[in-house]
Amino acid sequence: MEGLSWRAVCLSALCVVLFLRPAAGIRFVIDREECFSHNVEYEGDTVHVSFVVIKADTPWHYSEEGVDLVVKDPNGAQVRDSRDKTSDKFEFIVQKRGVHRFCFTNKSPYHETIDFDVHVGHFSYFEQHAKDEHFAPLFEQIAKLDEALYNIQFEQHWLEAQTDRQAILNENMSRRAVHKALFESAALIAASVIQVYLLRRLFERKLGTSRV
């Protein structure tokens, strides 16, 4: 019983460690093409991928052209792609373990800021201890909880990136609306000044003609 209690404490500590695992993600600026590598150690693992085009390098640029993402396995064969999208989220099953490449292509003439996240789902700890028939169900539940937690973090990261993109778009649209209003006001004032000038010239010419 004492040994069993000790193992239970270890399992509880393991649960805490699993739940404290942070979500991973990077944010980078792309000019034309940018590639990243991620090593997947086991075949059959599930790879979760998400990206969001946050903003362009000019506040006056607004486009829904998006970017291309191509995923290739260690042999260079394409396993998944996403074309002309400003955001996407997908997953795929690894058929061949090794280094996978994730290549982005930017078709816009502007630099784009992209938020990119990759997660590989694998329950290594569960597999190492699954032979213990008493603890196998518990390890399985821990593995499921760990994966569910990371899926929530993965989804939250993607939603936060979407929110950042929308906030920047709204800010740029507001700035453009203000600048447009100022430009229209300036044009209206300039037209009024020109109209007054032309009317004055017209009256002066009429007065000059009447005196003669």
Protein backbone atom coordinates (compact mmCIF):
# COMPACT_ATOMS: atom_id res chain seq x y z
CA MET A 1 0.00 0.00 0.00
CA GLU A 2 2.85 2.35 0.81
CA GLY A 3 4.44 1.72 -2.58
CA LEU A 4 1.08 2.23 -4.23
CA SER A 5 0.62 5.56 -2.45
CA TRP A 6 4.06 6.69 -3.57
CA ARG A 7 3.28 5.87 -7.17
CA ALA A 8 -0.02 7.72 -6.85
CA VAL A 9 1.87 10.79 -5.66
CA CYS A 10 4.22 10.49 -8.63
CA LEU A 11 1.27 10.27 -10.97
CA SER A 12 -0.27 13.37 -9.40
CA ALA A 13 2.98 15.26 -9.90
CA LEU A 14 3.06 14.08 -13.51
CA CYS A 15 -0.42 15.48 -14.05
CA VAL A 16 0.70 18.87 -12.72
CA VAL A 17 3.71 18.90 -15.03
CA LEU A 18 1.56 18.00 -18.00
CA PHE A 19 -0.93 20.76 -17.27
CA LEU A 20 1.84 23.34 -16.92
CA ARG A 21 3.21 22.59 -20.39
CA PRO A 22 3.13 25.84 -22.42
CA ALA A 23 1.82 26.23 -25.95
CA ALA A 24 4.45 26.92 -28.62
CA GLY A 25 4.25 29.37 -31.49
CA ILE A 26 6.33 31.90 -33.40
CA ARG A 27 5.61 35.20 -35.12
CA PHE A 28 7.85 36.21 -38.02
CA VAL A 29 8.06 38.59 -40.98
CA ILE A 30 8.17 37.09 -44.48
CA ASP A 31 9.39 38.74 -47.66
CA ARG A 32 9.02 36.11 -50.40
CA GLU A 33 9.65 32.66 -48.89
CA GLU A 34 10.40 31.31 -45.43
CA CYS A 35 10.84 27.66 -44.36
CA PHE A 36 10.87 25.97 -40.95
CA SER A 37 11.83 22.44 -39.92
CA HIS A 38 10.29 20.27 -37.23
CA ASN A 39 11.47 16.80 -36.27
CA VAL A 40 8.77 14.16 -35.77
CA GLU A 41 10.18 11.10 -34.03
CA TYR A 42 7.31 8.63 -34.40
CA GLU A 43 5.19 7.48 -37.32
CA GLY A 44 1.47 7.69 -36.67
CA ASP A 45 1.76 10.91 -34.64
CA THR A 46 -0.73 13.69 -35.33
CA VAL A 47 0.75 17.06 -36.32
CA HIS A 48 -1.42 20.12 -35.65
CA VAL A 49 -0.66 23.24 -37.70
CA SER A 50 -2.09 26.75 -37.65
CA PHE A 51 -1.11 30.14 -39.09
CA VAL A 52 -2.56 33.64 -39.35
CA VAL A 53 -1.35 36.53 -41.50
CA ILE A 54 -1.35 39.29 -38.88
CA LYS A 55 -0.48 42.38 -40.94
CA ALA A 56 1.40 43.90 -43.89
CA ASP A 57 4.31 46.31 -43.56
CA THR A 58 2.21 49.24 -44.81
CA PRO A 59 -0.95 50.58 -43.10
CA TRP A 60 -2.42 51.43 -46.50
CA HIS A 61 -2.33 47.85 -47.75
CA TYR A 62 -5.37 45.66 -47.30
CA SER A 63 -5.61 42.40 -49.21
CA GLU A 64 -7.19 38.97 -48.92
CA GLU A 65 -4.57 37.33 -51.18
CA GLY A 66 -3.10 35.34 -48.31
CA VAL A 67 -0.01 33.13 -48.40
CA ASP A 68 0.82 29.56 -49.45
CA LEU A 69 1.98 26.91 -46.98
CA VAL A 70 3.43 23.60 -48.21
CA VAL A 71 4.35 20.78 -45.83
CA LYS A 72 6.89 18.16 -46.99
CA ASP A 73 8.05 14.93 -45.35
CA PRO A 74 11.73 13.87 -44.89
CA ASN A 75 11.79 12.52 -48.48
CA GLY A 76 10.61 15.85 -49.90
CA ALA A 77 7.14 14.57 -50.77
CA GLN A 78 4.27 16.98 -50.22
CA VAL A 79 1.94 15.82 -47.45
CA ARG A 80 -0.29 18.89 -47.06
CA ASP A 81 -0.74 22.37 -48.50
CA SER A 82 -2.80 25.52 -47.96
CA ARG A 83 -3.13 28.03 -50.79
CA ASP A 84 -3.98 31.76 -50.85
CA LYS A 85 -5.23 31.94 -47.27
CA THR A 86 -4.84 34.62 -44.61
CA SER A 87 -5.40 31.98 -41.91
CA ASP A 88 -5.77 28.22 -41.71
CA LYS A 89 -5.71 25.36 -39.22
CA PHE A 90 -5.30 21.67 -40.06
CA GLU A 91 -3.72 18.40 -38.94
CA PHE A 92 -2.19 15.36 -40.60
CA ILE A 93 -0.93 11.90 -39.65
CA VAL A 94 2.82 11.34 -39.98
CA GLN A 95 3.61 8.54 -42.41
CA LYS A 96 7.39 8.79 -42.19
CA ARG A 97 9.29 9.95 -39.13
CA GLY A 98 12.03 12.55 -39.48
CA VAL A 99 12.40 16.25 -40.23
CA HIS A 100 9.34 17.82 -41.86
CA ARG A 101 9.58 21.18 -43.65
CA PHE A 102 6.94 23.91 -43.53
CA CYS A 103 7.47 26.47 -46.32
CA PHE A 104 5.54 29.74 -46.64
CA THR A 105 5.34 31.72 -49.89
CA ASN A 106 4.24 35.35 -49.93
CA LYS A 107 2.75 36.56 -53.22
CA SER A 108 2.16 40.09 -51.97
CA PRO A 109 4.69 42.85 -52.83
CA TYR A 110 4.69 43.78 -49.13
CA HIS A 111 6.31 42.10 -46.14
CA GLU A 112 3.77 40.13 -44.10
CA THR A 113 3.81 39.26 -40.39
CA ILE A 114 2.69 35.65 -39.79
CA ASP A 115 1.82 33.84 -36.58
CA PHE A 116 2.73 30.14 -36.93
CA ASP A 117 2.12 27.24 -34.52
CA VAL A 118 3.00 23.52 -34.73
CA HIS A 119 2.28 20.75 -32.23
CA VAL A 120 2.99 17.02 -32.44
CA GLY A 121 0.65 14.79 -30.44
CA HIS A 122 2.46 11.80 -28.94
CA PHE A 123 1.96 9.91 -25.66
CA SER A 124 5.49 8.60 -24.99
CA TYR A 125 5.10 8.33 -21.21
CA PHE A 126 1.94 6.30 -21.56
CA GLU A 127 3.61 3.90 -23.98
CA GLN A 128 6.57 3.33 -21.65
CA HIS A 129 4.34 2.26 -18.73
CA ALA A 130 1.37 0.76 -20.49
CA LYS A 131 2.43 -2.78 -19.46
CA ASP A 132 1.30 -2.16 -15.89
CA GLU A 133 -2.28 -3.41 -16.05
CA HIS A 134 -3.26 -1.54 -12.89
CA PHE A 135 -2.00 1.85 -14.08
CA ALA A 136 -2.56 1.54 -17.83
CA PRO A 137 -6.10 3.05 -17.68
CA LEU A 138 -4.82 5.92 -15.54
CA PHE A 139 -1.94 6.63 -17.89
CA GLU A 140 -4.38 6.59 -20.78
CA GLN A 141 -6.60 9.16 -19.06
CA ILE A 142 -3.57 11.35 -18.29
CA ALA A 143 -2.54 11.19 -21.94
CA LYS A 144 -6.04 12.14 -23.07
CA LEU A 145 -6.18 15.03 -20.61
CA ASP A 146 -2.78 16.24 -21.74
CA GLU A 147 -3.82 16.21 -25.38
CA ALA A 148 -7.16 17.88 -24.62
CA LEU A 149 -5.36 20.62 -22.69
CA TYR A 150 -2.93 21.31 -25.48
CA ASN A 151 -5.74 21.34 -28.03
CA ILE A 152 -7.38 24.08 -25.97
CA GLN A 153 -4.11 26.02 -25.82
CA PHE A 154 -3.56 25.47 -29.54
CA GLU A 155 -7.06 26.77 -30.33
CA GLN A 156 -6.61 29.72 -27.96
CA HIS A 157 -3.32 30.69 -29.61
CA TRP A 158 -4.98 30.60 -33.03
CA LEU A 159 -7.94 32.70 -31.84
CA GLU A 160 -5.60 35.25 -30.24
CA ALA A 161 -3.72 35.58 -33.52
CA GLN A 162 -7.04 36.05 -35.34
CA THR A 163 -8.01 38.73 -32.82
CA ASP A 164 -4.69 40.54 -33.33
CA ARG A 165 -5.19 40.48 -37.09
CA GLN A 166 -8.74 41.86 -36.81
CA ALA A 167 -7.65 44.58 -34.39
CA ILE A 168 -4.90 45.72 -36.78
CA LEU A 169 -7.31 45.66 -39.73
CA ASN A 170 -9.86 47.71 -37.78
CA GLU A 171 -7.18 50.21 -36.76
CA ASN A 172 -5.96 50.56 -40.35
CA MET A 173 -9.48 50.97 -41.66
CA SER A 174 -10.20 53.65 -39.04
CA ARG A 175 -6.98 55.47 -39.94
CA ARG A 176 -7.84 55.34 -43.64
CA ALA A 177 -11.35 56.61 -42.93
CA VAL A 178 -9.96 59.57 -40.96
CA HIS A 179 -7.41 60.36 -43.68
CA LYS A 180 -10.11 60.11 -46.34
CA ALA A 181 -12.35 62.49 -44.39
CA LEU A 182 -9.47 64.96 -43.99
CA PHE A 183 -8.64 64.73 -47.68
CA GLU A 184 -12.28 65.29 -48.66
CA SER A 185 -12.49 68.28 -46.30
CA ALA A 186 -9.30 69.75 -47.72
CA ALA A 187 -10.59 69.23 -51.27
CA LEU A 188 -13.90 70.90 -50.36
CA ILE A 189 -12.09 73.89 -48.81
CA ALA A 190 -9.81 74.18 -51.84
CA ALA A 191 -12.83 74.07 -54.18
CA SER A 192 -14.55 76.79 -52.12
CA VAL A 193 -11.45 79.01 -52.22
CA ILE A 194 -11.15 78.59 -55.99
CA GLN A 195 -14.85 79.35 -56.41
CA VAL A 196 -14.55 82.55 -54.34
CA TYR A 197 -11.47 83.58 -56.32
CA LEU A 198 -13.21 83.03 -59.65
CA LEU A 199 -16.31 84.95 -58.50
CA ARG A 200 -14.17 87.88 -57.39
CA ARG A 201 -12.37 87.94 -60.73
CA LEU A 202 -15.70 87.82 -62.51
CA PHE A 203 -17.11 90.77 -60.50
CA GLU A 204 -13.89 92.76 -60.98
CA ARG A 205 -14.05 92.26 -64.72
CA LYS A 206 -17.71 93.30 -64.80
CA LEU A 207 -16.95 96.41 -62.73
CA GLY A 208 -14.08 97.32 -65.02
CA THR A 209 -16.27 96.93 -68.09
CA SER A 210 -19.09 99.08 -66.62
CA ARG A 211 -16.65 101.95 -65.80
CA VAL A 212 -15.40 102.02 -69.35
